[in-house]
Amino acid sequence: MNPKVYIENAHGPISFSPKSVSIQTTIIGKLVRLLSMEGSTITSDTRPGVTPDIQKKIDHNNVCHEAWLIYRYSEYGRAIEIAYHQLNQDVNNGRNKALRKIHDLYKEELASNSISLLNPELNKIRSLADTIVKKISTKLIAFVKTNDASLQDIHMEDLEFGINLIIGHAFVECIILEAPQ
C-alpha cells in the first residue's frame, strides 16, 4: 500500500523516493546474502593458487592490481558454486540473470572507454583491465546498496567479500574481460 501525501504549501524542493517506502531486492543481492549466510562456515579451499587456464586469462588480459580478486575466487570457488546452485533454486535462471547484469556493467565500461562492443580492441582492454574490474566492482556494490533494501543488515565486510567472489567468478567465466584466443 502506498501512503498518500498532501502538500498545501511547499517552501523548497521536495523529493520522494519509493526506495525508502518499499522493500526491493536484487538477484545479485540475494547471491551476496547467500554468501554472507554461510558466515564463518565459508573456508578457503586447500587448492594452492590458480589453475593454468585462469592464470593464462589473467596474463592475457594484463590484470595486475585486481588479480587478487581472481586468486580469492580460486580459494573460495566452491562456496560461490554452492551459492549459485541455491540461487537457481530460489530464482528461475538466477545465475544467468546475475551474470547478465555483470556482463552489462562490463559492456558499459567498454562503451565508456570508447571500446567497440562488436570488435573490442584487446590492447586497449589490456591497458585498462584493472580499472575496468575495479569500476565493475564499485558499480556492483553501489547497485545492490541502492536497490536492495534486504541487505541493510549485512555487514559491509560481508557485502564486499560477496561482491569480490562474484567478480572473480565472472572473470573466470569470461563474463568480464576477454577470453584467450
C-alpha atoms as a PDB file:
ATOM      1  CA  MET A   1       0.000   0.000   0.000  1.00  0.00           C
ATOM      2  CA  ASN A   2       1.335   3.405  -0.960  1.00  0.00           C
ATOM      3  CA  PRO A   3       0.758   6.162   1.586  1.00  0.00           C
ATOM      4  CA  LYS A   4      -0.858   9.328   0.305  1.00  0.00           C
ATOM      5  CA  VAL A   5       0.787  12.656   0.962  1.00  0.00           C
ATOM      6  CA  TYR A   6      -0.946  16.013   0.657  1.00  0.00           C
ATOM      7  CA  ILE A   7       1.150  19.163   0.455  1.00  0.00           C
ATOM      8  CA  GLU A   8      -0.549  22.512   0.716  1.00  0.00           C
ATOM      9  CA  ASN A   9       2.445  24.851   0.669  1.00  0.00           C
ATOM     10  CA  ALA A  10       5.975  23.959  -0.312  1.00  0.00           C
ATOM     11  CA  HIS A  11       8.745  26.404   0.544  1.00  0.00           C
ATOM     12  CA  GLY A  12      11.564  24.452  -1.047  1.00  0.00           C
ATOM     13  CA  PRO A  13      12.349  21.420  -3.118  1.00  0.00           C
ATOM     14  CA  ILE A  14      10.562  18.178  -2.290  1.00  0.00           C
ATOM     15  CA  SER A  15      11.706  14.783  -3.408  1.00  0.00           C
ATOM     16  CA  PHE A  16      10.146  11.389  -2.863  1.00  0.00           C
ATOM     17  CA  SER A  17      11.993   8.133  -3.077  1.00  0.00           C
ATOM     18  CA  PRO A  18       9.941   4.985  -3.472  1.00  0.00           C
ATOM     19  CA  LYS A  19      13.001   3.054  -2.279  1.00  0.00           C
ATOM     20  CA  SER A  20      12.504   4.397   1.223  1.00  0.00           C
ATOM     21  CA  VAL A  21       8.942   3.081   1.489  1.00  0.00           C
ATOM     22  CA  SER A  22       9.181  -0.245  -0.316  1.00  0.00           C
ATOM     23  CA  ILE A  23      11.265  -3.350   0.080  1.00  0.00           C
ATOM     24  CA  GLN A  24      13.223  -4.048  -3.065  1.00  0.00           C
ATOM     25  CA  THR A  25      15.547  -6.932  -3.726  1.00  0.00           C
ATOM     26  CA  THR A  26      18.054  -7.799  -6.414  1.00  0.00           C
ATOM     27  CA  ILE A  27      19.260 -11.158  -7.658  1.00  0.00           C
ATOM     28  CA  ILE A  28      22.869 -10.195  -7.003  1.00  0.00           C
ATOM     29  CA  GLY A  29      21.845  -9.021  -3.542  1.00  0.00           C
ATOM     30  CA  LYS A  30      20.285 -12.419  -2.939  1.00  0.00           C
ATOM     31  CA  LEU A  31      23.549 -14.046  -4.025  1.00  0.00           C
ATOM     32  CA  VAL A  32      25.512 -11.811  -1.629  1.00  0.00           C
ATOM     33  CA  ARG A  33      23.074 -12.739   1.144  1.00  0.00           C
ATOM     34  CA  LEU A  34      23.562 -16.454   0.391  1.00  0.00           C
ATOM     35  CA  LEU A  35      27.332 -15.991   0.596  1.00  0.00           C
ATOM     36  CA  SER A  36      27.093 -13.998   3.833  1.00  0.00           C
ATOM     37  CA  MET A  37      24.677 -16.502   5.426  1.00  0.00           C
ATOM     38  CA  GLU A  38      27.485 -19.024   5.309  1.00  0.00           C
ATOM     39  CA  GLY A  39      29.335 -16.670   7.664  1.00  0.00           C
ATOM     40  CA  SER A  40      32.268 -18.349   9.293  1.00  0.00           C
ATOM     41  CA  THR A  41      31.489 -21.647   7.559  1.00  0.00           C
ATOM     42  CA  ILE A  42      32.964 -20.321   4.299  1.00  0.00           C
ATOM     43  CA  THR A  43      36.511 -21.533   4.332  1.00  0.00           C
ATOM     44  CA  SER A  44      39.263 -21.399   1.822  1.00  0.00           C
ATOM     45  CA  ASP A  45      39.686 -24.468  -0.351  1.00  0.00           C
ATOM     46  CA  THR A  46      43.000 -26.208   0.070  1.00  0.00           C
ATOM     47  CA  ARG A  47      43.912 -25.727  -3.577  1.00  0.00           C
ATOM     48  CA  PRO A  48      47.074 -23.656  -3.905  1.00  0.00           C
ATOM     49  CA  GLY A  49      46.988 -20.799  -6.397  1.00  0.00           C
ATOM     50  CA  VAL A  50      45.039 -20.761  -9.628  1.00  0.00           C
ATOM     51  CA  THR A  51      44.730 -23.235 -12.448  1.00  0.00           C
ATOM     52  CA  PRO A  52      46.883 -22.720 -15.549  1.00  0.00           C
ATOM     53  CA  ASP A  53      43.768 -21.749 -17.550  1.00  0.00           C
ATOM     54  CA  ILE A  54      42.892 -18.984 -15.097  1.00  0.00           C
ATOM     55  CA  GLN A  55      46.486 -17.733 -14.973  1.00  0.00           C
ATOM     56  CA  LYS A  56      46.518 -17.680 -18.778  1.00  0.00           C
ATOM     57  CA  LYS A  57      43.430 -15.442 -18.776  1.00  0.00           C
ATOM     58  CA  ILE A  58      44.940 -13.159 -16.112  1.00  0.00           C
ATOM     59  CA  ASP A  59      48.082 -12.789 -18.237  1.00  0.00           C
ATOM     60  CA  HIS A  60      46.096 -12.443 -21.481  1.00  0.00           C
ATOM     61  CA  ASN A  61      44.128  -9.501 -20.067  1.00  0.00           C
ATOM     62  CA  ASN A  62      47.108  -7.983 -18.228  1.00  0.00           C
ATOM     63  CA  VAL A  63      45.285  -7.968 -14.891  1.00  0.00           C
ATOM     64  CA  CYS A  64      47.749  -6.888 -12.205  1.00  0.00           C
ATOM     65  CA  HIS A  65      46.359  -4.906  -9.261  1.00  0.00           C
ATOM     66  CA  GLU A  66      42.960  -6.621  -9.317  1.00  0.00           C
ATOM     67  CA  ALA A  67      44.333 -10.151  -9.799  1.00  0.00           C
ATOM     68  CA  TRP A  68      43.794 -10.759  -6.093  1.00  0.00           C
ATOM     69  CA  LEU A  69      40.043 -10.975  -6.809  1.00  0.00           C
ATOM     70  CA  ILE A  70      40.654 -13.902  -9.119  1.00  0.00           C
ATOM     71  CA  TYR A  71      43.013 -15.531  -6.640  1.00  0.00           C
ATOM     72  CA  ARG A  72      40.337 -15.061  -3.957  1.00  0.00           C
ATOM     73  CA  TYR A  73      37.813 -16.774  -6.221  1.00  0.00           C
ATOM     74  CA  SER A  74      40.180 -19.705  -6.738  1.00  0.00           C
ATOM     75  CA  GLU A  75      40.317 -20.106  -2.942  1.00  0.00           C
ATOM     76  CA  TYR A  76      36.549 -19.878  -2.390  1.00  0.00           C
ATOM     77  CA  GLY A  77      35.204 -21.138  -5.718  1.00  0.00           C
ATOM     78  CA  ARG A  78      33.268 -23.980  -4.129  1.00  0.00           C
ATOM     79  CA  ALA A  79      31.368 -21.576  -1.862  1.00  0.00           C
ATOM     80  CA  ILE A  80      30.183 -19.454  -4.781  1.00  0.00           C
ATOM     81  CA  GLU A  81      29.208 -22.529  -6.801  1.00  0.00           C
ATOM     82  CA  ILE A  82      27.053 -23.690  -3.871  1.00  0.00           C
ATOM     83  CA  ALA A  83      25.535 -20.195  -3.603  1.00  0.00           C
ATOM     84  CA  TYR A  84      24.763 -20.119  -7.342  1.00  0.00           C
ATOM     85  CA  HIS A  85      23.119 -23.544  -7.052  1.00  0.00           C
ATOM     86  CA  GLN A  86      20.910 -22.258  -4.222  1.00  0.00           C
ATOM     87  CA  LEU A  87      20.191 -19.063  -6.183  1.00  0.00           C
ATOM     88  CA  ASN A  88      18.932 -21.120  -9.135  1.00  0.00           C
ATOM     89  CA  GLN A  89      16.612 -22.981  -6.770  1.00  0.00           C
ATOM     90  CA  ASP A  90      15.244 -19.695  -5.410  1.00  0.00           C
ATOM     91  CA  VAL A  91      15.163 -17.650  -8.637  1.00  0.00           C
ATOM     92  CA  ASN A  92      14.400 -19.074 -12.073  1.00  0.00           C
ATOM     93  CA  ASN A  93      17.668 -18.726 -14.057  1.00  0.00           C
ATOM     94  CA  GLY A  94      19.124 -16.715 -11.170  1.00  0.00           C
ATOM     95  CA  ARG A  95      22.725 -17.450 -12.094  1.00  0.00           C
ATOM     96  CA  ASN A  96      22.240 -16.363 -15.702  1.00  0.00           C
ATOM     97  CA  LYS A  97      20.392 -13.210 -14.653  1.00  0.00           C
ATOM     98  CA  ALA A  98      23.140 -12.249 -12.194  1.00  0.00           C
ATOM     99  CA  LEU A  99      25.866 -12.867 -14.769  1.00  0.00           C
ATOM    100  CA  ARG A 100      23.882 -10.910 -17.367  1.00  0.00           C
ATOM    101  CA  LYS A 101      23.855  -7.868 -15.044  1.00  0.00           C
ATOM    102  CA  ILE A 102      27.623  -8.143 -14.577  1.00  0.00           C
ATOM    103  CA  HIS A 103      28.149  -8.534 -18.324  1.00  0.00           C
ATOM    104  CA  ASP A 104      26.020  -5.420 -18.894  1.00  0.00           C
ATOM    105  CA  LEU A 105      28.277  -3.494 -16.496  1.00  0.00           C
ATOM    106  CA  TYR A 106      31.285  -4.755 -18.454  1.00  0.00           C
ATOM    107  CA  LYS A 107      29.756  -3.569 -21.731  1.00  0.00           C
ATOM    108  CA  GLU A 108      29.027  -0.183 -20.123  1.00  0.00           C
ATOM    109  CA  GLU A 109      32.694   0.092 -19.124  1.00  0.00           C
ATOM    110  CA  LEU A 110      33.830  -0.769 -22.640  1.00  0.00           C
ATOM    111  CA  ALA A 111      31.497   1.862 -24.092  1.00  0.00           C
ATOM    112  CA  SER A 112      32.552   4.499 -21.548  1.00  0.00           C
ATOM    113  CA  ASN A 113      36.165   3.908 -22.611  1.00  0.00           C
ATOM    114  CA  SER A 114      35.283   4.156 -26.326  1.00  0.00           C
ATOM    115  CA  ILE A 115      35.995   0.467 -26.909  1.00  0.00           C
ATOM    116  CA  SER A 116      33.933  -1.159 -29.646  1.00  0.00           C
ATOM    117  CA  LEU A 117      31.362  -3.623 -28.338  1.00  0.00           C
ATOM    118  CA  LEU A 118      31.313  -5.557 -31.606  1.00  0.00           C
ATOM    119  CA  ASN A 119      35.051  -5.831 -32.115  1.00  0.00           C
ATOM    120  CA  PRO A 120      36.775  -4.902 -28.837  1.00  0.00           C
ATOM    121  CA  GLU A 121      40.381  -3.797 -29.161  1.00  0.00           C
ATOM    122  CA  LEU A 122      42.373  -6.144 -26.918  1.00  0.00           C
ATOM    123  CA  ASN A 123      45.319  -3.779 -26.404  1.00  0.00           C
ATOM    124  CA  LYS A 124      43.010  -1.081 -25.090  1.00  0.00           C
ATOM    125  CA  ILE A 125      41.234  -3.571 -22.809  1.00  0.00           C
ATOM    126  CA  ARG A 126      44.590  -4.833 -21.543  1.00  0.00           C
ATOM    127  CA  SER A 127      45.735  -1.300 -20.739  1.00  0.00           C
ATOM    128  CA  LEU A 128      42.528  -0.659 -18.767  1.00  0.00           C
ATOM    129  CA  ALA A 129      41.909  -4.145 -17.306  1.00  0.00           C
ATOM    130  CA  ASP A 130      42.491  -3.256 -13.655  1.00  0.00           C
ATOM    131  CA  THR A 131      40.416  -0.089 -13.949  1.00  0.00           C
ATOM    132  CA  ILE A 132      37.574  -1.956 -15.660  1.00  0.00           C
ATOM    133  CA  VAL A 133      37.485  -4.663 -12.976  1.00  0.00           C
ATOM    134  CA  LYS A 134      37.608  -2.080 -10.163  1.00  0.00           C
ATOM    135  CA  LYS A 135      34.820   0.031 -11.698  1.00  0.00           C
ATOM    136  CA  ILE A 136      32.579  -3.005 -12.203  1.00  0.00           C
ATOM    137  CA  SER A 137      33.122  -3.974  -8.562  1.00  0.00           C
ATOM    138  CA  THR A 138      32.382  -0.435  -7.376  1.00  0.00           C
ATOM    139  CA  LYS A 139      29.265  -0.188  -9.553  1.00  0.00           C
ATOM    140  CA  LEU A 140      28.013  -3.570  -8.368  1.00  0.00           C
ATOM    141  CA  ILE A 141      28.385  -2.576  -4.718  1.00  0.00           C
ATOM    142  CA  ALA A 142      26.561   0.702  -5.410  1.00  0.00           C
ATOM    143  CA  PHE A 143      23.848  -1.160  -7.349  1.00  0.00           C
ATOM    144  CA  VAL A 144      22.999  -3.539  -4.519  1.00  0.00           C
ATOM    145  CA  LYS A 145      23.315  -0.859  -1.817  1.00  0.00           C
ATOM    146  CA  THR A 146      20.938   1.393  -3.761  1.00  0.00           C
ATOM    147  CA  ASN A 147      18.449  -1.204  -4.967  1.00  0.00           C
ATOM    148  CA  ASP A 148      18.363  -3.960  -2.357  1.00  0.00           C
ATOM    149  CA  ALA A 149      16.802  -2.976   0.947  1.00  0.00           C
ATOM    150  CA  SER A 150      17.182  -6.552   2.219  1.00  0.00           C
ATOM    151  CA  LEU A 151      20.950  -6.029   2.548  1.00  0.00           C
ATOM    152  CA  GLN A 152      20.673  -3.321   5.197  1.00  0.00           C
ATOM    153  CA  ASP A 153      21.548  -5.815   7.920  1.00  0.00           C
ATOM    154  CA  ILE A 154      24.549  -7.260   6.058  1.00  0.00           C
ATOM    155  CA  HIS A 155      27.940  -6.120   7.308  1.00  0.00           C
ATOM    156  CA  MET A 156      29.928  -4.140   4.754  1.00  0.00           C
ATOM    157  CA  GLU A 157      32.745  -6.696   5.008  1.00  0.00           C
ATOM    158  CA  ASP A 158      30.336  -9.491   4.024  1.00  0.00           C
ATOM    159  CA  LEU A 159      28.949  -7.373   1.187  1.00  0.00           C
ATOM    160  CA  GLU A 160      32.410  -6.635  -0.206  1.00  0.00           C
ATOM    161  CA  PHE A 161      33.533 -10.252   0.261  1.00  0.00           C
ATOM    162  CA  GLY A 162      30.486 -11.496  -1.655  1.00  0.00           C
ATOM    163  CA  ILE A 163      30.889  -8.962  -4.455  1.00  0.00           C
ATOM    164  CA  ASN A 164      34.595  -9.815  -4.753  1.00  0.00           C
ATOM    165  CA  LEU A 165      33.785 -13.519  -5.116  1.00  0.00           C
ATOM    166  CA  ILE A 166      31.114 -12.718  -7.695  1.00  0.00           C
ATOM    167  CA  ILE A 167      33.539 -10.543  -9.696  1.00  0.00           C
ATOM    168  CA  GLY A 168      36.261 -13.201  -9.531  1.00  0.00           C
ATOM    169  CA  HIS A 169      33.787 -15.820 -10.734  1.00  0.00           C
ATOM    170  CA  ALA A 170      32.606 -13.553 -13.572  1.00  0.00           C
ATOM    171  CA  PHE A 171      36.215 -13.151 -14.689  1.00  0.00           C
ATOM    172  CA  VAL A 172      36.828 -16.913 -14.653  1.00  0.00           C
ATOM    173  CA  GLU A 173      33.600 -17.478 -16.626  1.00  0.00           C
ATOM    174  CA  CYS A 174      34.708 -14.858 -19.220  1.00  0.00           C
ATOM    175  CA  ILE A 175      31.768 -12.586 -18.376  1.00  0.00           C
ATOM    176  CA  ILE A 176      34.169  -9.690 -17.841  1.00  0.00           C
ATOM    177  CA  LEU A 177      37.354  -9.090 -19.827  1.00  0.00           C
ATOM    178  CA  GLU A 178      38.304 -11.278 -22.766  1.00  0.00           C
ATOM    179  CA  ALA A 179      38.966 -14.990 -23.200  1.00  0.00           C
ATOM    180  CA  PRO A 180      42.336 -16.024 -24.604  1.00  0.00           C
ATOM    181  CA  GLN A 181      42.047 -16.975 -28.274  1.00  0.00           C
END
